Structure formats: structure tokens, C-alpha cells
Protein backbone atom coordinates (compact mmCIF):
# COMPACT_ATOMS: atom_id res chain seq x y z
CA UNK A 1 153.82 163.87 7.05
CA UNK A 2 156.64 165.17 9.23
CA UNK A 3 157.54 164.23 12.78
CA UNK A 4 158.63 166.35 15.73
CA UNK A 5 160.71 165.10 18.64
CA UNK A 6 161.81 166.25 22.04
CA UNK A 7 165.15 164.54 22.68
CA UNK A 8 166.55 164.65 26.22
CA UNK A 9 170.23 163.90 26.72
CA UNK A 10 172.69 164.00 29.63
CA UNK A 11 174.95 167.05 29.77
CA UNK A 12 177.96 164.69 29.99
CA UNK A 13 178.17 163.02 26.59
CA UNK A 14 179.52 159.73 27.98
CA UNK A 15 177.17 159.37 30.94
CA UNK A 16 174.45 156.69 31.01
CA UNK A 17 171.77 156.03 33.67
CA UNK A 18 170.69 152.69 35.05
CA UNK A 19 167.99 150.92 33.02
CA UNK A 20 165.57 151.48 35.92
CA UNK A 21 166.24 155.24 35.97
CA UNK A 22 165.80 155.36 32.18
CA UNK A 23 162.41 153.62 32.44
CA UNK A 24 161.31 156.02 35.21
CA UNK A 25 162.26 159.02 33.06
CA UNK A 26 160.27 157.62 30.11
CA UNK A 27 157.20 157.16 32.32
CA UNK A 28 157.52 160.71 33.66
CA UNK A 29 157.93 162.29 30.20
CA UNK A 30 154.94 160.35 28.86
CA UNK A 31 152.82 161.71 31.73
CA UNK A 32 153.75 165.28 30.75
CA UNK A 33 151.64 164.77 27.62
CA UNK A 34 148.60 163.12 29.19
CA UNK A 35 146.28 166.10 29.71
CA UNK A 36 142.90 166.43 27.97
CA UNK A 37 144.34 168.32 24.98
CA UNK A 38 147.78 166.69 25.13
CA UNK A 39 149.17 163.77 23.20
CA UNK A 40 152.42 162.00 22.42
CA UNK A 41 152.80 159.25 19.84
CA UNK A 42 155.63 157.44 21.56
CA UNK A 43 158.18 157.96 24.38
CA UNK A 44 161.19 155.71 24.71
CA UNK A 45 164.85 155.67 25.66
CA UNK A 46 167.95 154.57 23.80
CA UNK A 47 171.38 153.51 25.04
CA UNK A 48 174.21 153.95 22.49
CA UNK A 49 177.49 152.04 22.49
CA UNK A 50 179.39 155.11 21.26
CA UNK A 51 178.92 158.85 21.51
CA UNK A 52 176.17 159.58 18.98
CA UNK A 53 174.94 162.74 17.31
CA UNK A 54 171.57 163.84 18.69
CA UNK A 55 170.58 166.23 15.94
CA UNK A 56 167.75 168.68 15.38
CA UNK A 57 166.89 167.34 11.93
CA UNK A 58 165.52 169.93 9.52
CA UNK A 59 165.68 172.60 12.23
CA UNK A 60 169.45 172.88 11.72
CA UNK A 61 170.23 175.04 8.70
CA UNK A 62 173.48 176.73 9.71
CA UNK A 63 176.76 175.78 11.36
CA UNK A 64 179.61 178.13 12.24
CA UNK A 65 183.16 177.32 13.24
CA UNK A 66 184.14 177.73 16.88
CA UNK A 67 187.66 178.76 15.82
CA UNK A 68 187.26 181.27 12.97
CA UNK A 69 183.46 181.89 13.14
CA UNK A 70 183.27 181.04 9.44
CA UNK A 71 180.19 179.36 8.06
CA UNK A 72 180.49 175.61 7.48
CA UNK A 73 178.60 174.10 4.57
CA UNK A 74 175.83 171.77 5.73
CA UNK A 75 176.84 169.24 3.04
CA UNK A 76 180.27 168.90 4.71
CA UNK A 77 178.54 168.09 7.98
CA UNK A 78 176.11 165.63 6.37
CA UNK A 79 179.04 163.86 4.68
CA UNK A 80 180.88 163.64 8.01
CA UNK A 81 177.81 162.18 9.72
CA UNK A 82 177.21 159.69 6.91
CA UNK A 83 180.85 158.60 7.06
CA UNK A 84 180.71 158.07 10.83
CA UNK A 85 177.24 156.51 10.94
CA UNK A 86 176.31 159.19 13.52
CA UNK A 87 178.55 157.51 16.15
CA UNK A 88 182.04 158.67 17.06
CA UNK A 89 185.16 157.30 18.71
CA UNK A 90 186.73 160.76 18.47
CA UNK A 91 184.87 164.07 18.15
CA UNK A 92 187.88 166.01 16.84
CA UNK A 93 187.72 166.94 13.17
CA UNK A 94 189.37 169.28 10.71
CA UNK A 95 186.92 171.97 9.67
CA UNK A 96 186.87 173.08 6.02
CA UNK A 97 186.63 176.82 6.70
CA UNK A 98 190.04 177.38 8.35
CA UNK A 99 191.63 173.93 8.54
CA UNK A 100 191.67 173.92 12.35
CA UNK A 101 191.12 170.77 14.34
CA UNK A 102 188.12 171.34 16.60
CA UNK A 103 185.75 169.17 18.58
CA UNK A 104 182.34 168.70 17.00
CA UNK A 105 180.91 169.66 20.40
CA UNK A 106 182.30 173.19 19.98
CA UNK A 107 180.72 173.88 16.57
CA UNK A 108 177.87 176.41 16.73
CA UNK A 109 174.55 175.20 15.36
CA UNK A 110 171.59 177.53 14.78
CA UNK A 111 169.40 174.95 16.61
CA UNK A 112 170.93 173.06 19.52
CA UNK A 113 172.31 169.61 18.79
CA UNK A 114 174.16 167.34 21.16
CA UNK A 115 176.29 164.26 21.48
CA UNK A 116 175.40 161.51 23.93
CA UNK A 117 175.38 157.81 24.73
CA UNK A 118 171.81 157.96 26.01
CA UNK A 119 168.56 159.75 25.21
CA UNK A 120 164.89 159.88 26.14
CA UNK A 121 162.81 160.74 23.09
CA UNK A 122 159.20 161.88 22.80
CA UNK A 123 157.78 161.52 19.28
CA UNK A 124 155.13 163.96 18.06
CA UNK A 125 154.30 165.48 21.44
CA UNK A 126 151.40 167.93 21.64
CA UNK A 127 150.48 170.27 24.48
CA UNK A 128 150.08 174.01 25.06
CA UNK A 129 153.80 174.43 25.85
CA UNK A 130 155.65 172.15 23.47
CA UNK A 131 159.12 171.99 24.99
CA UNK A 132 159.92 170.99 28.55
CA UNK A 133 160.40 173.83 31.01
CA UNK A 134 163.24 174.17 33.54
CA UNK A 135 161.32 172.36 36.30
CA UNK A 136 160.40 169.44 34.02
CA UNK A 137 164.03 169.14 32.92
CA UNK A 138 165.11 169.19 36.56
CA UNK A 139 162.58 166.44 37.34
CA UNK A 140 163.97 164.28 34.52
CA UNK A 141 167.49 164.96 35.81
CA UNK A 142 166.47 163.83 39.30
CA UNK A 143 164.96 160.63 37.95
CA UNK A 144 168.02 159.87 35.84
CA UNK A 145 170.58 161.02 38.38
CA UNK A 146 172.25 163.51 36.02
CA UNK A 147 171.45 166.93 34.46
CA UNK A 148 169.87 166.87 31.01
CA UNK A 149 169.35 169.20 28.08
CA UNK A 150 166.74 169.02 25.34
CA UNK A 151 167.10 168.95 21.59
CA UNK A 152 164.03 169.88 19.57
CA UNK A 153 164.08 167.98 16.28
CA UNK A 154 161.93 167.95 13.17
CA UNK A 155 162.21 165.39 10.36
């Protein structure tokens, strides 16, 4: 069986909320999936010591270079992630397509990914509209004290 996730991260990759704000955001997100035909297996938050890749799992099938627009082999990216353990001190890397040094943040992924030191994650959410809408994202941002974006992941 596969799992789907809605992963909410701050727009500033180094920003982290207070533990109280994180707990309030988790409670709010869980309530978004509490209708009669709605469900969510688990909602939680995670604080990371370093900037961490918040990926889209199997949704990501293509990466292009921000410098030369060349396609980057997914295996190269997987090797980079395995080498780093998904956490980074420095997001700059030399891309294989053109040899340029670029920030991982600037690479173009066919499904949005992000880098963050904090996330709220909803596992296997179910409702008529799967992803959070602009108002729900704004509500989470208000609770956390910082704008957020969502990453839709499938593993």
C-alpha cells in the first residue's frame, strides 16, 4: 500500500515556529479532515536541526537545471540526497548537466519540493478537495506566524 502526504513548510527555509504555534497548526490541519466523509491517518510536526529536503516522493520524475535548463538525471539527485542524509549545511552544488554551481533551491522539479527546518505533515488525508486551498494555507500561516507552502508527496 502507498501513502500520500500533505507537507506544509515555511517559505523561509531556516525559519521555525514556537512549539506552541506548531501544536496549534497541527490541531488546525487535523480538523480540516474531520468531516463526515473526511479522514486523516496522522498529523504531526517536525523540527529539523539542519535545512532538510521536503520532497514529493514518487511524484517527482523530472528535474531541470536552473542555469542551462538541461535535464538532470534523477539518479544523480538520489545519490546527492543519500550522501547528505537529506539534511544540508550548504545547498550549493555542482550540477552534472553544465558543471555550474547552483543552489538546490533553484533547481526546477516537475512536482514542487522544498527545503525547510520545520514541517507540518498530514498522512493519508482524504476529503473532497485533497490539497489545502489558499485560505487554509493562510490560516496555517497565521497560526505559525509565517507564510507556508505545501508539498504533495506520494511514497
